[in-house]
Amino acid sequence: MEIGESAAAVSHTVYEAAKVSGAKGHQTFFRITLPLLTPGIAAGWILAFFAGFRELVILRWCAGTTSTCSRPGS
């Protein structure tokens, strides 16, 4: 979602200016598109990391350990 919002925020005049300046498709991507999408990519990566980390914490909490899940009479 963050990457899509970052891409939507880029004005088409930037790409038109690159085309008029003679930039090819890969040059436009690496010199214009990728740097402008970097904040959205970073935000998406951070959100995905923390969502996965949260699942790991919940899983470890639910699984417990032998010291916290002792049986009666042990």
PDB file of N, CA and C in Angstrom:
ATOM      1  N   MET A   1       0.813  -1.188   0.000  1.00  0.00           N
ATOM      2  CA  MET A   1       0.000   0.000   0.000  1.00  0.00           C
ATOM      3  C   MET A   1       0.860   1.257   0.000  1.00  0.00           C
ATOM      4  N   GLU A   2       1.925   1.260   0.811  1.00  0.00           N
ATOM      5  CA  GLU A   2       2.771   2.437   0.890  1.00  0.00           C
ATOM      6  C   GLU A   2       3.472   2.712  -0.435  1.00  0.00           C
ATOM      7  N   ILE A   3       3.864   1.656  -1.135  1.00  0.00           N
ATOM      8  CA  ILE A   3       4.555   1.834  -2.413  1.00  0.00           C
ATOM      9  C   ILE A   3       3.595   2.419  -3.448  1.00  0.00           C
ATOM     10  N   GLY A   4       2.367   1.958  -3.454  1.00  0.00           N
ATOM     11  CA  GLY A   4       1.374   2.486  -4.378  1.00  0.00           C
ATOM     12  C   GLY A   4       1.086   3.949  -4.127  1.00  0.00           C
ATOM     13  N   GLU A   5       1.029   4.322  -2.857  1.00  0.00           N
ATOM     14  CA  GLU A   5       0.791   5.725  -2.526  1.00  0.00           C
ATOM     15  C   GLU A   5       1.987   6.586  -2.917  1.00  0.00           C
ATOM     16  N   SER A   6       3.195   6.050  -2.750  1.00  0.00           N
ATOM     17  CA  SER A   6       4.387   6.804  -3.165  1.00  0.00           C
ATOM     18  C   SER A   6       4.409   6.976  -4.676  1.00  0.00           C
ATOM     19  N   ALA A   7       4.023   5.939  -5.402  1.00  0.00           N
ATOM     20  CA  ALA A   7       4.012   6.012  -6.865  1.00  0.00           C
ATOM     21  C   ALA A   7       2.947   6.985  -7.349  1.00  0.00           C
ATOM     22  N   ALA A   8       1.812   7.025  -6.670  1.00  0.00           N
ATOM     23  CA  ALA A   8       0.741   7.927  -7.077  1.00  0.00           C
ATOM     24  C   ALA A   8       1.112   9.395  -6.828  1.00  0.00           C
ATOM     25  N   ALA A   9       2.028   9.619  -5.877  1.00  0.00           N
ATOM     26  CA  ALA A   9       2.415  10.989  -5.545  1.00  0.00           C
ATOM     27  C   ALA A   9       3.388  11.583  -6.561  1.00  0.00           C
ATOM     28  N   VAL A  10       3.971  10.748  -7.422  1.00  0.00           N
ATOM     29  CA  VAL A  10       4.939  11.235  -8.409  1.00  0.00           C
ATOM     30  C   VAL A  10       4.191  11.865  -9.580  1.00  0.00           C
ATOM     31  N   SER A  11       4.561  13.082  -9.918  1.00  0.00           N
ATOM     32  CA  SER A  11       3.931  13.782 -11.023  1.00  0.00           C
ATOM     33  C   SER A  11       4.402  13.201 -12.360  1.00  0.00           C
ATOM     34  N   HIS A  12       3.505  13.125 -13.316  1.00  0.00           N
ATOM     35  CA  HIS A  12       3.855  12.607 -14.639  1.00  0.00           C
ATOM     36  C   HIS A  12       4.783  13.552 -15.391  1.00  0.00           C
ATOM     37  N   THR A  13       4.829  14.800 -14.984  1.00  0.00           N
ATOM     38  CA  THR A  13       5.728  15.741 -15.646  1.00  0.00           C
ATOM     39  C   THR A  13       7.192  15.381 -15.411  1.00  0.00           C
ATOM     40  N   VAL A  14       7.482  14.700 -14.302  1.00  0.00           N
ATOM     41  CA  VAL A  14       8.845  14.264 -14.029  1.00  0.00           C
ATOM     42  C   VAL A  14       9.276  13.245 -15.078  1.00  0.00           C
ATOM     43  N   TYR A  15       8.401  12.310 -15.391  1.00  0.00           N
ATOM     44  CA  TYR A  15       8.722  11.294 -16.390  1.00  0.00           C
ATOM     45  C   TYR A  15       8.797  11.906 -17.796  1.00  0.00           C
ATOM     46  N   GLU A  16       7.933  12.869 -18.060  1.00  0.00           N
ATOM     47  CA  GLU A  16       7.981  13.555 -19.353  1.00  0.00           C
ATOM     48  C   GLU A  16       9.290  14.321 -19.509  1.00  0.00           C
ATOM     49  N   ALA A  17       9.747  14.953 -18.441  1.00  0.00           N
ATOM     50  CA  ALA A  17      11.009  15.695 -18.493  1.00  0.00           C
ATOM     51  C   ALA A  17      12.181  14.746 -18.731  1.00  0.00           C
ATOM     52  N   ALA A  18      12.146  13.571 -18.117  1.00  0.00           N
ATOM     53  CA  ALA A  18      13.205  12.581 -18.321  1.00  0.00           C
ATOM     54  C   ALA A  18      13.208  12.094 -19.767  1.00  0.00           C
ATOM     55  N   LYS A  19      12.011  11.878 -20.310  1.00  0.00           N
ATOM     56  CA  LYS A  19      11.909  11.413 -21.697  1.00  0.00           C
ATOM     57  C   LYS A  19      12.438  12.476 -22.662  1.00  0.00           C
ATOM     58  N   VAL A  20      12.078  13.734 -22.418  1.00  0.00           N
ATOM     59  CA  VAL A  20      12.539  14.827 -23.273  1.00  0.00           C
ATOM     60  C   VAL A  20      14.059  14.972 -23.174  1.00  0.00           C
ATOM     61  N   SER A  21      14.607  14.704 -21.992  1.00  0.00           N
ATOM     62  CA  SER A  21      16.052  14.809 -21.794  1.00  0.00           C
ATOM     63  C   SER A  21      16.813  13.648 -22.418  1.00  0.00           C
ATOM     64  N   GLY A  22      16.092  12.643 -22.923  1.00  0.00           N
ATOM     65  CA  GLY A  22      16.737  11.526 -23.596  1.00  0.00           C
ATOM     66  C   GLY A  22      16.996  10.315 -22.727  1.00  0.00           C
ATOM     67  N   ALA A  23      16.408  10.255 -21.550  1.00  0.00           N
ATOM     68  CA  ALA A  23      16.615   9.109 -20.666  1.00  0.00           C
ATOM     69  C   ALA A  23      15.842   7.895 -21.191  1.00  0.00           C
ATOM     70  N   LYS A  24      16.498   6.761 -21.149  1.00  0.00           N
ATOM     71  CA  LYS A  24      15.849   5.519 -21.551  1.00  0.00           C
ATOM     72  C   LYS A  24      15.046   4.972 -20.377  1.00  0.00           C
ATOM     73  N   GLY A  25      14.288   3.911 -20.622  1.00  0.00           N
ATOM     74  CA  GLY A  25      13.407   3.360 -19.598  1.00  0.00           C
ATOM     75  C   GLY A  25      14.117   2.946 -18.325  1.00  0.00           C
ATOM     76  N   HIS A  26      15.245   2.221 -18.457  1.00  0.00           N
ATOM     77  CA  HIS A  26      15.949   1.777 -17.256  1.00  0.00           C
ATOM     78  C   HIS A  26      16.610   2.948 -16.530  1.00  0.00           C
ATOM     79  N   GLN A  27      17.049   3.956 -17.270  1.00  0.00           N
ATOM     80  CA  GLN A  27      17.628   5.136 -16.635  1.00  0.00           C
ATOM     81  C   GLN A  27      16.560   5.900 -15.847  1.00  0.00           C
ATOM     82  N   THR A  28      15.381   5.993 -16.425  1.00  0.00           N
ATOM     83  CA  THR A  28      14.281   6.666 -15.737  1.00  0.00           C
ATOM     84  C   THR A  28      13.926   5.914 -14.455  1.00  0.00           C
ATOM     85  N   PHE A  29      13.916   4.587 -14.525  1.00  0.00           N
ATOM     86  CA  PHE A  29      13.573   3.805 -13.341  1.00  0.00           C
ATOM     87  C   PHE A  29      14.603   3.995 -12.237  1.00  0.00           C
ATOM     88  N   PHE A  30      15.891   3.817 -12.572  1.00  0.00           N
ATOM     89  CA  PHE A  30      16.921   3.856 -11.535  1.00  0.00           C
ATOM     90  C   PHE A  30      17.248   5.263 -11.050  1.00  0.00           C
ATOM     91  N   ARG A  31      17.055   6.269 -11.874  1.00  0.00           N
ATOM     92  CA  ARG A  31      17.416   7.631 -11.469  1.00  0.00           C
ATOM     93  C   ARG A  31      16.242   8.462 -10.971  1.00  0.00           C
ATOM     94  N   ILE A  32      15.021   8.065 -11.325  1.00  0.00           N
ATOM     95  CA  ILE A  32      13.861   8.862 -10.911  1.00  0.00           C
ATOM     96  C   ILE A  32      12.892   8.031 -10.071  1.00  0.00           C
ATOM     97  N   THR A  33      12.402   6.945 -10.639  1.00  0.00           N
ATOM     98  CA  THR A  33      11.352   6.176  -9.968  1.00  0.00           C
ATOM     99  C   THR A  33      11.831   5.560  -8.657  1.00  0.00           C
ATOM    100  N   LEU A  34      12.925   4.827  -8.702  1.00  0.00           N
ATOM    101  CA  LEU A  34      13.407   4.137  -7.503  1.00  0.00           C
ATOM    102  C   LEU A  34      13.731   5.086  -6.358  1.00  0.00           C
ATOM    103  N   PRO A  35      14.460   6.187  -6.586  1.00  0.00           N
ATOM    104  CA  PRO A  35      14.693   7.114  -5.466  1.00  0.00           C
ATOM    105  C   PRO A  35      13.409   7.725  -4.898  1.00  0.00           C
ATOM    106  N   LEU A  36      12.425   7.969  -5.748  1.00  0.00           N
ATOM    107  CA  LEU A  36      11.176   8.543  -5.246  1.00  0.00           C
ATOM    108  C   LEU A  36      10.329   7.507  -4.499  1.00  0.00           C
ATOM    109  N   LEU A  37      10.489   6.228  -4.831  1.00  0.00           N
ATOM    110  CA  LEU A  37       9.732   5.172  -4.149  1.00  0.00           C
ATOM    111  C   LEU A  37      10.422   4.650  -2.897  1.00  0.00           C
ATOM    112  N   THR A  38      11.671   5.024  -2.677  1.00  0.00           N
ATOM    113  CA  THR A  38      12.430   4.495  -1.543  1.00  0.00           C
ATOM    114  C   THR A  38      11.738   4.703  -0.193  1.00  0.00           C
ATOM    115  N   PRO A  39      11.170   5.869   0.111  1.00  0.00           N
ATOM    116  CA  PRO A  39      10.468   5.999   1.395  1.00  0.00           C
ATOM    117  C   PRO A  39       9.283   5.038   1.521  1.00  0.00           C
ATOM    118  N   GLY A  40       8.532   4.840   0.448  1.00  0.00           N
ATOM    119  CA  GLY A  40       7.412   3.900   0.486  1.00  0.00           C
ATOM    120  C   GLY A  40       7.871   2.461   0.639  1.00  0.00           C
ATOM    121  N   ILE A  41       8.969   2.111  -0.024  1.00  0.00           N
ATOM    122  CA  ILE A  41       9.520   0.761   0.102  1.00  0.00           C
ATOM    123  C   ILE A  41       9.997   0.528   1.530  1.00  0.00           C
ATOM    124  N   ALA A  42      10.678   1.511   2.098  1.00  0.00           N
ATOM    125  CA  ALA A  42      11.169   1.388   3.471  1.00  0.00           C
ATOM    126  C   ALA A  42      10.010   1.266   4.455  1.00  0.00           C
ATOM    127  N   ALA A  43       8.973   2.068   4.279  1.00  0.00           N
ATOM    128  CA  ALA A  43       7.816   1.993   5.176  1.00  0.00           C
ATOM    129  C   ALA A  43       7.129   0.640   5.074  1.00  0.00           C
ATOM    130  N   GLY A  44       6.976   0.121   3.868  1.00  0.00           N
ATOM    131  CA  GLY A  44       6.373  -1.197   3.694  1.00  0.00           C
ATOM    132  C   GLY A  44       7.208  -2.287   4.317  1.00  0.00           C
ATOM    133  N   TRP A  45       8.528  -2.193   4.186  1.00  0.00           N
ATOM    134  CA  TRP A  45       9.420  -3.186   4.768  1.00  0.00           C
ATOM    135  C   TRP A  45       9.328  -3.161   6.289  1.00  0.00           C
ATOM    136  N   ILE A  46       9.323  -1.960   6.864  1.00  0.00           N
ATOM    137  CA  ILE A  46       9.249  -1.835   8.330  1.00  0.00           C
ATOM    138  C   ILE A  46       7.931  -2.387   8.853  1.00  0.00           C
ATOM    139  N   LEU A  47       6.832  -2.052   8.203  1.00  0.00           N
ATOM    140  CA  LEU A  47       5.540  -2.563   8.650  1.00  0.00           C
ATOM    141  C   LEU A  47       5.469  -4.083   8.540  1.00  0.00           C
ATOM    142  N   ALA A  48       5.997  -4.636   7.462  1.00  0.00           N
ATOM    143  CA  ALA A  48       5.994  -6.096   7.302  1.00  0.00           C
ATOM    144  C   ALA A  48       6.884  -6.757   8.348  1.00  0.00           C
ATOM    145  N   PHE A  49       8.027  -6.144   8.647  1.00  0.00           N
ATOM    146  CA  PHE A  49       8.926  -6.705   9.645  1.00  0.00           C
ATOM    147  C   PHE A  49       8.259  -6.742  11.016  1.00  0.00           C
ATOM    148  N   PHE A  50       7.653  -5.637  11.417  1.00  0.00           N
ATOM    149  CA  PHE A  50       7.039  -5.596  12.737  1.00  0.00           C
ATOM    150  C   PHE A  50       5.805  -6.485  12.828  1.00  0.00           C
ATOM    151  N   ALA A  51       5.074  -6.634  11.742  1.00  0.00           N
ATOM    152  CA  ALA A  51       3.932  -7.557  11.752  1.00  0.00           C
ATOM    153  C   ALA A  51       4.424  -8.990  11.940  1.00  0.00           C
ATOM    154  N   GLY A  52       5.473  -9.360  11.247  1.00  0.00           N
ATOM    155  CA  GLY A  52       6.040 -10.694  11.411  1.00  0.00           C
ATOM    156  C   GLY A  52       6.647 -10.893  12.779  1.00  0.00           C
ATOM    157  N   PHE A  53       7.308  -9.876  13.293  1.00  0.00           N
ATOM    158  CA  PHE A  53       7.900  -9.963  14.627  1.00  0.00           C
ATOM    159  C   PHE A  53       6.820 -10.122  15.693  1.00  0.00           C
ATOM    160  N   ARG A  54       5.709  -9.408  15.529  1.00  0.00           N
ATOM    161  CA  ARG A  54       4.605  -9.521  16.474  1.00  0.00           C
ATOM    162  C   ARG A  54       4.049 -10.938  16.485  1.00  0.00           C
ATOM    163  N   GLU A  55       3.939 -11.547  15.300  1.00  0.00           N
ATOM    164  CA  GLU A  55       3.454 -12.922  15.238  1.00  0.00           C
ATOM    165  C   GLU A  55       4.405 -13.872  15.949  1.00  0.00           C
ATOM    166  N   LEU A  56       5.703 -13.636  15.814  1.00  0.00           N
ATOM    167  CA  LEU A  56       6.677 -14.474  16.488  1.00  0.00           C
ATOM    168  C   LEU A  56       6.554 -14.348  18.001  1.00  0.00           C
ATOM    169  N   VAL A  57       6.380 -13.127  18.489  1.00  0.00           N
ATOM    170  CA  VAL A  57       6.234 -12.910  19.931  1.00  0.00           C
ATOM    171  C   VAL A  57       4.979 -13.607  20.446  1.00  0.00           C
ATOM    172  N   ILE A  58       3.877 -13.481  19.723  1.00  0.00           N
ATOM    173  CA  ILE A  58       2.627 -14.129  20.145  1.00  0.00           C
ATOM    174  C   ILE A  58       2.784 -15.650  20.132  1.00  0.00           C
ATOM    175  N   LEU A  59       3.439 -16.173  19.102  1.00  0.00           N
ATOM    176  CA  LEU A  59       3.647 -17.614  19.017  1.00  0.00           C
ATOM    177  C   LEU A  59       4.485 -18.112  20.184  1.00  0.00           C
ATOM    178  N   ARG A  60       5.560 -17.414  20.496  1.00  0.00           N
ATOM    179  CA  ARG A  60       6.409 -17.833  21.618  1.00  0.00           C
ATOM    180  C   ARG A  60       5.668 -17.691  22.938  1.00  0.00           C
ATOM    181  N   TRP A  61       4.821 -16.703  23.072  1.00  0.00           N
ATOM    182  CA  TRP A  61       4.066 -16.522  24.305  1.00  0.00           C
ATOM    183  C   TRP A  61       3.050 -17.644  24.473  1.00  0.00           C
ATOM    184  N   CYS A  62       2.386 -18.008  23.372  1.00  0.00           N
ATOM    185  CA  CYS A  62       1.388 -19.079  23.436  1.00  0.00           C
ATOM    186  C   CYS A  62       2.039 -20.442  23.631  1.00  0.00           C
ATOM    187  N   ALA A  63       3.209 -20.642  23.073  1.00  0.00           N
ATOM    188  CA  ALA A  63       3.881 -21.934  23.182  1.00  0.00           C
ATOM    189  C   ALA A  63       4.381 -22.161  24.602  1.00  0.00           C
ATOM    190  N   GLY A  64       4.837 -21.127  25.248  1.00  0.00           N
ATOM    191  CA  GLY A  64       5.334 -21.258  26.606  1.00  0.00           C
ATOM    192  C   GLY A  64       6.633 -22.041  26.657  1.00  0.00           C
ATOM    193  N   THR A  65       7.085 -22.281  27.890  1.00  0.00           N
ATOM    194  CA  THR A  65       8.284 -23.085  28.086  1.00  0.00           C
ATOM    195  C   THR A  65       7.985 -24.128  29.133  1.00  0.00           C
ATOM    196  N   THR A  66       8.883 -25.055  29.323  1.00  0.00           N
ATOM    197  CA  THR A  66       8.651 -26.114  30.306  1.00  0.00           C
ATOM    198  C   THR A  66       8.606 -25.554  31.714  1.00  0.00           C
ATOM    199  N   SER A  67       9.317 -24.472  31.982  1.00  0.00           N
ATOM    200  CA  SER A  67       9.315 -23.901  33.328  1.00  0.00           C
ATOM    201  C   SER A  67       7.991 -23.188  33.644  1.00  0.00           C
ATOM    202  N   THR A  68       7.289 -22.679  32.632  1.00  0.00           N
ATOM    203  CA  THR A  68       6.033 -21.992  32.884  1.00  0.00           C
ATOM    204  C   THR A  68       4.821 -22.896  32.688  1.00  0.00           C
ATOM    205  N   CYS A  69       5.025 -24.038  32.037  1.00  0.00           N
ATOM    206  CA  CYS A  69       3.906 -24.951  31.763  1.00  0.00           C
ATOM    207  C   CYS A  69       4.109 -26.274  32.478  1.00  0.00           C
ATOM    208  N   SER A  70       4.348 -26.217  33.764  1.00  0.00           N
ATOM    209  CA  SER A  70       4.580 -27.466  34.504  1.00  0.00           C
ATOM    210  C   SER A  70       3.258 -28.158  34.797  1.00  0.00           C
ATOM    211  N   ARG A  71       3.302 -29.466  34.873  1.00  0.00           N
ATOM    212  CA  ARG A  71       2.108 -30.258  35.178  1.00  0.00           C
ATOM    213  C   ARG A  71       1.937 -30.369  36.681  1.00  0.00           C
ATOM    214  N   PRO A  72       0.710 -30.554  37.125  1.00  0.00           N
ATOM    215  CA  PRO A  72       0.508 -30.736  38.575  1.00  0.00           C
ATOM    216  C   PRO A  72       1.234 -31.987  39.043  1.00  0.00           C
ATOM    217  N   GLY A  73       1.860 -31.888  40.205  1.00  0.00           N
ATOM    218  CA  GLY A  73       2.582 -33.006  40.782  1.00  0.00           C
ATOM    219  C   GLY A  73       3.995 -33.145  40.282  1.00  0.00           C
ATOM    220  N   SER A  74       4.482 -32.195  39.452  1.00  0.00           N
ATOM    221  CA  SER A  74       5.861 -32.295  38.962  1.00  0.00           C
ATOM    222  C   SER A  74       6.794 -31.561  39.869  1.00  0.00           C
TER     223      SER A  74
END
